[in-house]
Amino acid sequence: MKILINLDDQSISILLLQNKKIIDQIKWQDNRDLLEKLLPELDQLIQKNNLKITDIKKFDFKTNVDKHYSSYRILKATVDTLNLCVFSINNSKR
């Protein structure tokens, strides 16, 4: 499973993918609330599909927002942190 977060000028969507096929998604209008909503919405999507964070093999994002905007930095930091956590958890099981 993979999570892809899309951020554009007007909306944010979190896609749950398996073999490049969309299994589920959550979408909302960007009201400059990415910081407040991203993790709770991500958690809701994972729970709704009866998954654990370790079931997700990779987090990724796609955006057309400039790298200098706070939303871009929030999204990149979140995705990088989630990937590091999942990698660490999965490798500690070996």
PDB file of N, CA and C in Angstrom:
ATOM      1  N   MET A   1       0.839  -1.182   0.000  1.00  0.00           N
ATOM      2  CA  MET A   1       0.000   0.000   0.000  1.00  0.00           C
ATOM      3  C   MET A   1       0.885   1.248   0.000  1.00  0.00           C
ATOM      4  N   LYS A   2       0.338   2.276  -0.586  1.00  0.00           N
ATOM      5  CA  LYS A   2       1.046   3.548  -0.682  1.00  0.00           C
ATOM      6  C   LYS A   2       0.042   4.667  -0.409  1.00  0.00           C
ATOM      7  N   ILE A   3       0.505   5.726   0.199  1.00  0.00           N
ATOM      8  CA  ILE A   3      -0.300   6.929   0.399  1.00  0.00           C
ATOM      9  C   ILE A   3       0.305   8.035  -0.462  1.00  0.00           C
ATOM     10  N   LEU A   4      -0.528   8.655  -1.265  1.00  0.00           N
ATOM     11  CA  LEU A   4      -0.115   9.793  -2.081  1.00  0.00           C
ATOM     12  C   LEU A   4      -0.941  10.999  -1.660  1.00  0.00           C
ATOM     13  N   ILE A   5      -0.266  12.067  -1.295  1.00  0.00           N
ATOM     14  CA  ILE A   5      -0.941  13.302  -0.897  1.00  0.00           C
ATOM     15  C   ILE A   5      -0.766  14.318  -2.008  1.00  0.00           C
ATOM     16  N   ASN A   6      -1.883  14.797  -2.525  1.00  0.00           N
ATOM     17  CA  ASN A   6      -1.874  15.805  -3.589  1.00  0.00           C
ATOM     18  C   ASN A   6      -2.248  17.159  -2.993  1.00  0.00           C
ATOM     19  N   LEU A   7      -1.465  18.151  -3.326  1.00  0.00           N
ATOM     20  CA  LEU A   7      -1.717  19.510  -2.864  1.00  0.00           C
ATOM     21  C   LEU A   7      -1.653  20.430  -4.071  1.00  0.00           C
ATOM     22  N   ASP A   8      -2.738  21.116  -4.329  1.00  0.00           N
ATOM     23  CA  ASP A   8      -2.695  22.147  -5.364  1.00  0.00           C
ATOM     24  C   ASP A   8      -3.167  23.459  -4.754  1.00  0.00           C
ATOM     25  N   ASP A   9      -3.395  24.439  -5.578  1.00  0.00           N
ATOM     26  CA  ASP A   9      -3.745  25.765  -5.067  1.00  0.00           C
ATOM     27  C   ASP A   9      -5.086  25.802  -4.348  1.00  0.00           C
ATOM     28  N   GLN A  10      -5.971  24.839  -4.636  1.00  0.00           N
ATOM     29  CA  GLN A  10      -7.324  24.913  -4.097  1.00  0.00           C
ATOM     30  C   GLN A  10      -7.750  23.732  -3.242  1.00  0.00           C
ATOM     31  N   SER A  11      -7.089  22.592  -3.369  1.00  0.00           N
ATOM     32  CA  SER A  11      -7.549  21.421  -2.627  1.00  0.00           C
ATOM     33  C   SER A  11      -6.399  20.511  -2.208  1.00  0.00           C
ATOM     34  N   ILE A  12      -6.734  19.649  -1.263  1.00  0.00           N
ATOM     35  CA  ILE A  12      -5.796  18.656  -0.753  1.00  0.00           C
ATOM     36  C   ILE A  12      -6.506  17.319  -0.822  1.00  0.00           C
ATOM     37  N   SER A  13      -5.804  16.299  -1.280  1.00  0.00           N
ATOM     38  CA  SER A  13      -6.385  14.966  -1.289  1.00  0.00           C
ATOM     39  C   SER A  13      -5.344  13.963  -0.812  1.00  0.00           C
ATOM     40  N   ILE A  14      -5.827  12.961  -0.094  1.00  0.00           N
ATOM     41  CA  ILE A  14      -4.988  11.871   0.375  1.00  0.00           C
ATOM     42  C   ILE A  14      -5.521  10.606  -0.275  1.00  0.00           C
ATOM     43  N   LEU A  15      -4.683   9.952  -1.065  1.00  0.00           N
ATOM     44  CA  LEU A  15      -5.092   8.760  -1.798  1.00  0.00           C
ATOM     45  C   LEU A  15      -4.424   7.529  -1.197  1.00  0.00           C
ATOM     46  N   LEU A  16      -5.215   6.499  -1.004  1.00  0.00           N
ATOM     47  CA  LEU A  16      -4.700   5.207  -0.600  1.00  0.00           C
ATOM     48  C   LEU A  16      -4.608   4.357  -1.853  1.00  0.00           C
ATOM     49  N   LEU A  17      -3.396   3.933  -2.198  1.00  0.00           N
ATOM     50  CA  LEU A  17      -3.162   3.214  -3.451  1.00  0.00           C
ATOM     51  C   LEU A  17      -2.641   1.806  -3.196  1.00  0.00           C
ATOM     52  N   GLN A  18      -3.068   0.910  -4.043  1.00  0.00           N
ATOM     53  CA  GLN A  18      -2.493  -0.431  -4.069  1.00  0.00           C
ATOM     54  C   GLN A  18      -2.290  -0.796  -5.531  1.00  0.00           C
ATOM     55  N   ASN A  19      -1.044  -1.072  -5.887  1.00  0.00           N
ATOM     56  CA  ASN A  19      -0.688  -1.357  -7.285  1.00  0.00           C
ATOM     57  C   ASN A  19      -1.182  -0.256  -8.233  1.00  0.00           C
ATOM     58  N   LYS A  20      -0.966   0.978  -7.828  1.00  0.00           N
ATOM     59  CA  LYS A  20      -1.329   2.172  -8.608  1.00  0.00           C
ATOM     60  C   LYS A  20      -2.842   2.366  -8.788  1.00  0.00           C
ATOM     61  N   LYS A  21      -3.637   1.587  -8.068  1.00  0.00           N
ATOM     62  CA  LYS A  21      -5.096   1.712  -8.128  1.00  0.00           C
ATOM     63  C   LYS A  21      -5.573   2.408  -6.855  1.00  0.00           C
ATOM     64  N   ILE A  22      -6.487   3.370  -7.019  1.00  0.00           N
ATOM     65  CA  ILE A  22      -7.025   4.096  -5.874  1.00  0.00           C
ATOM     66  C   ILE A  22      -8.001   3.197  -5.125  1.00  0.00           C
ATOM     67  N   ILE A  23      -7.695   2.931  -3.857  1.00  0.00           N
ATOM     68  CA  ILE A  23      -8.546   2.126  -2.989  1.00  0.00           C
ATOM     69  C   ILE A  23      -9.543   3.024  -2.261  1.00  0.00           C
ATOM     70  N   ASP A  24      -9.062   4.176  -1.793  1.00  0.00           N
ATOM     71  CA  ASP A  24      -9.896   5.121  -1.050  1.00  0.00           C
ATOM     72  C   ASP A  24      -9.214   6.481  -1.108  1.00  0.00           C
ATOM     73  N   GLN A  25      -9.988   7.517  -0.778  1.00  0.00           N
ATOM     74  CA  GLN A  25      -9.401   8.856  -0.749  1.00  0.00           C
ATOM     75  C   GLN A  25     -10.216   9.791   0.125  1.00  0.00           C
ATOM     76  N   ILE A  26      -9.539  10.819   0.580  1.00  0.00           N
ATOM     77  CA  ILE A  26     -10.165  11.915   1.328  1.00  0.00           C
ATOM     78  C   ILE A  26      -9.720  13.197   0.640  1.00  0.00           C
ATOM     79  N   LYS A  27     -10.661  14.116   0.470  1.00  0.00           N
ATOM     80  CA  LYS A  27     -10.351  15.376  -0.210  1.00  0.00           C
ATOM     81  C   LYS A  27     -11.044  16.525   0.519  1.00  0.00           C
ATOM     82  N   TRP A  28     -10.366  17.657   0.601  1.00  0.00           N
ATOM     83  CA  TRP A  28     -10.978  18.855   1.174  1.00  0.00           C
ATOM     84  C   TRP A  28     -10.397  20.093   0.517  1.00  0.00           C
ATOM     85  N   GLN A  29     -11.145  21.169   0.622  1.00  0.00           N
ATOM     86  CA  GLN A  29     -10.704  22.450   0.074  1.00  0.00           C
ATOM     87  C   GLN A  29      -9.609  23.027   0.947  1.00  0.00           C
ATOM     88  N   ASP A  30      -8.618  23.619   0.310  1.00  0.00           N
ATOM     89  CA  ASP A  30      -7.518  24.221   1.055  1.00  0.00           C
ATOM     90  C   ASP A  30      -7.963  25.559   1.629  1.00  0.00           C
ATOM     91  N   ASN A  31      -8.112  25.566   2.939  1.00  0.00           N
ATOM     92  CA  ASN A  31      -8.457  26.798   3.648  1.00  0.00           C
ATOM     93  C   ASN A  31      -7.304  27.210   4.548  1.00  0.00           C
ATOM     94  N   ARG A  32      -6.104  26.934   4.068  1.00  0.00           N
ATOM     95  CA  ARG A  32      -4.883  27.203   4.831  1.00  0.00           C
ATOM     96  C   ARG A  32      -4.907  26.472   6.176  1.00  0.00           C
ATOM     97  N   ASP A  33      -5.418  25.239   6.140  1.00  0.00           N
ATOM     98  CA  ASP A  33      -5.532  24.442   7.349  1.00  0.00           C
ATOM     99  C   ASP A  33      -4.799  23.104   7.239  1.00  0.00           C
ATOM    100  N   LEU A  34      -3.829  23.040   6.340  1.00  0.00           N
ATOM    101  CA  LEU A  34      -3.093  21.802   6.114  1.00  0.00           C
ATOM    102  C   LEU A  34      -2.469  21.286   7.406  1.00  0.00           C
ATOM    103  N   LEU A  35      -1.843  22.151   8.167  1.00  0.00           N
ATOM    104  CA  LEU A  35      -1.168  21.752   9.396  1.00  0.00           C
ATOM    105  C   LEU A  35      -2.139  21.124  10.391  1.00  0.00           C
ATOM    106  N   GLU A  36      -3.326  21.684  10.505  1.00  0.00           N
ATOM    107  CA  GLU A  36      -4.312  21.193  11.463  1.00  0.00           C
ATOM    108  C   GLU A  36      -5.017  19.916  10.992  1.00  0.00           C
ATOM    109  N   LYS A  37      -5.191  19.750   9.687  1.00  0.00           N
ATOM    110  CA  LYS A  37      -6.020  18.661   9.180  1.00  0.00           C
ATOM    111  C   LYS A  37      -5.273  17.458   8.618  1.00  0.00           C
ATOM    112  N   LEU A  38      -4.036  17.626   8.216  1.00  0.00           N
ATOM    113  CA  LEU A  38      -3.347  16.558   7.492  1.00  0.00           C
ATOM    114  C   LEU A  38      -3.252  15.253   8.284  1.00  0.00           C
ATOM    115  N   LEU A  39      -2.703  15.286   9.472  1.00  0.00           N
ATOM    116  CA  LEU A  39      -2.534  14.048  10.239  1.00  0.00           C
ATOM    117  C   LEU A  39      -3.864  13.440  10.688  1.00  0.00           C
ATOM    118  N   PRO A  40      -4.833  14.225  11.186  1.00  0.00           N
ATOM    119  CA  PRO A  40      -6.121  13.609  11.532  1.00  0.00           C
ATOM    120  C   PRO A  40      -6.833  12.985  10.326  1.00  0.00           C
ATOM    121  N   GLU A  41      -6.764  13.617   9.170  1.00  0.00           N
ATOM    122  CA  GLU A  41      -7.395  13.059   7.968  1.00  0.00           C
ATOM    123  C   GLU A  41      -6.668  11.793   7.511  1.00  0.00           C
ATOM    124  N   LEU A  42      -5.356  11.800   7.601  1.00  0.00           N
ATOM    125  CA  LEU A  42      -4.566  10.626   7.256  1.00  0.00           C
ATOM    126  C   LEU A  42      -4.903   9.467   8.189  1.00  0.00           C
ATOM    127  N   ASP A  43      -4.990   9.749   9.471  1.00  0.00           N
ATOM    128  CA  ASP A  43      -5.351   8.731  10.454  1.00  0.00           C
ATOM    129  C   ASP A  43      -6.748   8.175  10.176  1.00  0.00           C
ATOM    130  N   GLN A  44      -7.672   9.041   9.842  1.00  0.00           N
ATOM    131  CA  GLN A  44      -9.037   8.615   9.530  1.00  0.00           C
ATOM    132  C   GLN A  44      -9.048   7.664   8.321  1.00  0.00           C
ATOM    133  N   LEU A  45      -8.294   7.984   7.296  1.00  0.00           N
ATOM    134  CA  LEU A  45      -8.233   7.142   6.101  1.00  0.00           C
ATOM    135  C   LEU A  45      -7.651   5.762   6.425  1.00  0.00           C
ATOM    136  N   ILE A  46      -6.604   5.736   7.217  1.00  0.00           N
ATOM    137  CA  ILE A  46      -5.974   4.475   7.593  1.00  0.00           C
ATOM    138  C   ILE A  46      -6.926   3.632   8.442  1.00  0.00           C
ATOM    139  N   GLN A  47      -7.572   4.244   9.429  1.00  0.00           N
ATOM    140  CA  GLN A  47      -8.504   3.505  10.283  1.00  0.00           C
ATOM    141  C   GLN A  47      -9.731   3.024   9.521  1.00  0.00           C
ATOM    142  N   LYS A  48     -10.248   3.860   8.660  1.00  0.00           N
ATOM    143  CA  LYS A  48     -11.433   3.508   7.872  1.00  0.00           C
ATOM    144  C   LYS A  48     -11.201   2.247   7.037  1.00  0.00           C
ATOM    145  N   ASN A  49      -9.969   2.037   6.620  1.00  0.00           N
ATOM    146  CA  ASN A  49      -9.625   0.885   5.788  1.00  0.00           C
ATOM    147  C   ASN A  49      -9.003  -0.254   6.599  1.00  0.00           C
ATOM    148  N   ASN A  50      -9.166  -0.173   7.918  1.00  0.00           N
ATOM    149  CA  ASN A  50      -8.678  -1.213   8.831  1.00  0.00           C
ATOM    150  C   ASN A  50      -7.204  -1.541   8.625  1.00  0.00           C
ATOM    151  N   LEU A  51      -6.411  -0.504   8.491  1.00  0.00           N
ATOM    152  CA  LEU A  51      -4.970  -0.654   8.285  1.00  0.00           C
ATOM    153  C   LEU A  51      -4.213  -0.149   9.500  1.00  0.00           C
ATOM    154  N   LYS A  52      -2.955  -0.513   9.559  1.00  0.00           N
ATOM    155  CA  LYS A  52      -2.025   0.045  10.527  1.00  0.00           C
ATOM    156  C   LYS A  52      -1.013   0.861   9.734  1.00  0.00           C
ATOM    157  N   ILE A  53      -0.352   1.751  10.409  1.00  0.00           N
ATOM    158  CA  ILE A  53       0.638   2.591   9.729  1.00  0.00           C
ATOM    159  C   ILE A  53       1.704   1.733   9.065  1.00  0.00           C
ATOM    160  N   THR A  54       2.006   0.590   9.640  1.00  0.00           N
ATOM    161  CA  THR A  54       3.040  -0.285   9.079  1.00  0.00           C
ATOM    162  C   THR A  54       2.563  -1.013   7.818  1.00  0.00           C
ATOM    163  N   ASP A  55       1.274  -0.982   7.534  1.00  0.00           N
ATOM    164  CA  ASP A  55       0.762  -1.555   6.285  1.00  0.00           C
ATOM    165  C   ASP A  55       1.088  -0.668   5.090  1.00  0.00           C
ATOM    166  N   ILE A  56       1.406   0.573   5.375  1.00  0.00           N
ATOM    167  CA  ILE A  56       1.763   1.522   4.321  1.00  0.00           C
ATOM    168  C   ILE A  56       3.267   1.402   4.076  1.00  0.00           C
ATOM    169  N   LYS A  57       3.628   1.086   2.854  1.00  0.00           N
ATOM    170  CA  LYS A  57       5.041   0.887   2.526  1.00  0.00           C
ATOM    171  C   LYS A  57       5.740   2.183   2.139  1.00  0.00           C
ATOM    172  N   LYS A  58       4.966   3.150   1.625  1.00  0.00           N
ATOM    173  CA  LYS A  58       5.573   4.411   1.200  1.00  0.00           C
ATOM    174  C   LYS A  58       4.545   5.533   1.242  1.00  0.00           C
ATOM    175  N   PHE A  59       5.013   6.689   1.656  1.00  0.00           N
ATOM    176  CA  PHE A  59       4.245   7.927   1.600  1.00  0.00           C
ATOM    177  C   PHE A  59       4.901   8.808   0.552  1.00  0.00           C
ATOM    178  N   ASP A  60       4.095   9.482  -0.242  1.00  0.00           N
ATOM    179  CA  ASP A  60       4.632  10.355  -1.273  1.00  0.00           C
ATOM    180  C   ASP A  60       3.702  11.548  -1.422  1.00  0.00           C
ATOM    181  N   PHE A  61       4.171  12.576  -2.100  1.00  0.00           N
ATOM    182  CA  PHE A  61       3.310  13.732  -2.354  1.00  0.00           C
ATOM    183  C   PHE A  61       3.570  14.297  -3.739  1.00  0.00           C
ATOM    184  N   LYS A  62       2.545  14.976  -4.222  1.00  0.00           N
ATOM    185  CA  LYS A  62       2.629  15.662  -5.506  1.00  0.00           C
ATOM    186  C   LYS A  62       1.992  17.029  -5.300  1.00  0.00           C
ATOM    187  N   THR A  63       2.623  18.055  -5.847  1.00  0.00           N
ATOM    188  CA  THR A  63       2.093  19.401  -5.664  1.00  0.00           C
ATOM    189  C   THR A  63       2.529  20.316  -6.802  1.00  0.00           C
ATOM    190  N   ASN A  64       1.741  21.341  -7.014  1.00  0.00           N
ATOM    191  CA  ASN A  64       2.137  22.392  -7.940  1.00  0.00           C
ATOM    192  C   ASN A  64       2.444  23.682  -7.177  1.00  0.00           C
ATOM    193  N   VAL A  65       2.501  23.578  -5.855  1.00  0.00           N
ATOM    194  CA  VAL A  65       2.781  24.723  -4.993  1.00  0.00           C
ATOM    195  C   VAL A  65       4.296  24.940  -4.941  1.00  0.00           C
ATOM    196  N   ASP A  66       4.707  26.170  -4.995  1.00  0.00           N
ATOM    197  CA  ASP A  66       6.128  26.525  -4.963  1.00  0.00           C
ATOM    198  C   ASP A  66       6.790  26.049  -3.670  1.00  0.00           C
ATOM    199  N   LYS A  67       8.038  25.636  -3.767  1.00  0.00           N
ATOM    200  CA  LYS A  67       8.789  25.112  -2.619  1.00  0.00           C
ATOM    201  C   LYS A  67       8.944  26.119  -1.486  1.00  0.00           C
ATOM    202  N   HIS A  68       8.743  27.378  -1.761  1.00  0.00           N
ATOM    203  CA  HIS A  68       8.945  28.411  -0.754  1.00  0.00           C
ATOM    204  C   HIS A  68       7.706  28.635   0.122  1.00  0.00           C
ATOM    205  N   TYR A  69       6.589  28.020  -0.211  1.00  0.00           N
ATOM    206  CA  TYR A  69       5.370  28.187   0.582  1.00  0.00           C
ATOM    207  C   TYR A  69       5.379  27.255   1.785  1.00  0.00           C
ATOM    208  N   SER A  70       4.778  27.700   2.866  1.00  0.00           N
ATOM    209  CA  SER A  70       4.708  26.898   4.094  1.00  0.00           C
ATOM    210  C   SER A  70       4.014  25.570   3.856  1.00  0.00           C
ATOM    211  N   SER A  71       2.969  25.554   3.053  1.00  0.00           N
ATOM    212  CA  SER A  71       2.234  24.310   2.790  1.00  0.00           C
ATOM    213  C   SER A  71       3.149  23.249   2.189  1.00  0.00           C
ATOM    214  N   TYR A  72       3.994  23.647   1.279  1.00  0.00           N
ATOM    215  CA  TYR A  72       4.947  22.706   0.675  1.00  0.00           C
ATOM    216  C   TYR A  72       5.881  22.145   1.746  1.00  0.00           C
ATOM    217  N   ARG A  73       6.405  23.019   2.586  1.00  0.00           N
ATOM    218  CA  ARG A  73       7.351  22.587   3.613  1.00  0.00           C
ATOM    219  C   ARG A  73       6.694  21.672   4.643  1.00  0.00           C
ATOM    220  N   ILE A  74       5.460  21.996   5.019  1.00  0.00           N
ATOM    221  CA  ILE A  74       4.710  21.149   5.957  1.00  0.00           C
ATOM    222  C   ILE A  74       4.514  19.763   5.354  1.00  0.00           C
ATOM    223  N   LEU A  75       4.087  19.728   4.109  1.00  0.00           N
ATOM    224  CA  LEU A  75       3.827  18.464   3.437  1.00  0.00           C
ATOM    225  C   LEU A  75       5.101  17.633   3.291  1.00  0.00           C
ATOM    226  N   LYS A  76       6.172  18.245   2.859  1.00  0.00           N
ATOM    227  CA  LYS A  76       7.443  17.529   2.681  1.00  0.00           C
ATOM    228  C   LYS A  76       7.957  16.990   4.012  1.00  0.00           C
ATOM    229  N   ALA A  77       7.928  17.800   5.042  1.00  0.00           N
ATOM    230  CA  ALA A  77       8.407  17.353   6.360  1.00  0.00           C
ATOM    231  C   ALA A  77       7.558  16.207   6.897  1.00  0.00           C
ATOM    232  N   THR A  78       6.252  16.276   6.702  1.00  0.00           N
ATOM    233  CA  THR A  78       5.353  15.222   7.171  1.00  0.00           C
ATOM    234  C   THR A  78       5.625  13.921   6.430  1.00  0.00           C
ATOM    235  N   VAL A  79       5.703  13.970   5.117  1.00  0.00           N
ATOM    236  CA  VAL A  79       5.941  12.770   4.312  1.00  0.00           C
ATOM    237  C   VAL A  79       7.308  12.166   4.627  1.00  0.00           C
ATOM    238  N   ASP A  80       8.332  12.992   4.731  1.00  0.00           N
ATOM    239  CA  ASP A  80       9.670  12.482   5.061  1.00  0.00           C
ATOM    240  C   ASP A  80       9.678  11.804   6.436  1.00  0.00           C
ATOM    241  N   THR A  81       9.013  12.407   7.399  1.00  0.00           N
ATOM    242  CA  THR A  81       8.955  11.853   8.754  1.00  0.00           C
ATOM    243  C   THR A  81       8.187  10.528   8.777  1.00  0.00           C
ATOM    244  N   LEU A  82       7.056  10.479   8.090  1.00  0.00           N
ATOM    245  CA  LEU A  82       6.276   9.236   8.043  1.00  0.00           C
ATOM    246  C   LEU A  82       7.066   8.113   7.371  1.00  0.00           C
ATOM    247  N   ASN A  83       7.755   8.417   6.290  1.00  0.00           N
ATOM    248  CA  ASN A  83       8.581   7.401   5.620  1.00  0.00           C
ATOM    249  C   ASN A  83       9.695   6.901   6.532  1.00  0.00           C
ATOM    250  N   LEU A  84      10.314   7.792   7.270  1.00  0.00           N
ATOM    251  CA  LEU A  84      11.369   7.399   8.193  1.00  0.00           C
ATOM    252  C   LEU A  84      10.816   6.512   9.307  1.00  0.00           C
ATOM    253  N   CYS A  85       9.669   6.870   9.849  1.00  0.00           N
ATOM    254  CA  CYS A  85       9.045   6.075  10.914  1.00  0.00           C
ATOM    255  C   CYS A  85       8.692   4.680  10.428  1.00  0.00           C
ATOM    256  N   VAL A  86       8.048   4.588   9.282  1.00  0.00           N
ATOM    257  CA  VAL A  86       7.650   3.284   8.747  1.00  0.00           C
ATOM    258  C   VAL A  86       8.882   2.439   8.428  1.00  0.00           C
ATOM    259  N   PHE A  87       9.890   3.054   7.855  1.00  0.00           N
ATOM    260  CA  PHE A  87      11.138   2.340   7.546  1.00  0.00           C
ATOM    261  C   PHE A  87      11.764   1.794   8.832  1.00  0.00           C
ATOM    262  N   SER A  88      11.817   2.626   9.860  1.00  0.00           N
ATOM    263  CA  SER A  88      12.426   2.213  11.134  1.00  0.00           C
ATOM    264  C   SER A  88      11.638   1.083  11.788  1.00  0.00           C
ATOM    265  N   ILE A  89      10.321   1.201  11.801  1.00  0.00           N
ATOM    266  CA  ILE A  89       9.475   0.153  12.394  1.00  0.00           C
ATOM    267  C   ILE A  89       9.632  -1.150  11.641  1.00  0.00           C
ATOM    268  N   ASN A  90       9.557  -1.100  10.328  1.00  0.00           N
ATOM    269  CA  ASN A  90       9.646  -2.318   9.519  1.00  0.00           C
ATOM    270  C   ASN A  90      11.020  -2.980   9.633  1.00  0.00           C
ATOM    271  N   ASN A  91      12.074  -2.191   9.745  1.00  0.00           N
ATOM    272  CA  ASN A  91      13.420  -2.760   9.849  1.00  0.00           C
ATOM    273  C   ASN A  91      13.724  -3.267  11.258  1.00  0.00           C
ATOM    274  N   SER A  92      13.025  -2.759  12.259  1.00  0.00           N
ATOM    275  CA  SER A  92      13.267  -3.241  13.619  1.00  0.00           C
ATOM    276  C   SER A  92      12.629  -4.605  13.855  1.00  0.00           C
ATOM    277  N   LYS A  93      11.718  -5.017  12.965  1.00  0.00           N
ATOM    278  CA  LYS A  93      11.053  -6.313  13.084  1.00  0.00           C
ATOM    279  C   LYS A  93      11.926  -7.460  12.603  1.00  0.00           C
ATOM    280  N   ARG A  94      13.012  -7.141  11.921  1.00  0.00           N
ATOM    281  CA  ARG A  94      13.884  -8.188  11.357  1.00  0.00           C
ATOM    282  C   ARG A  94      14.722  -8.845  12.398  1.00  0.00           C
TER     283      ARG A  94
END
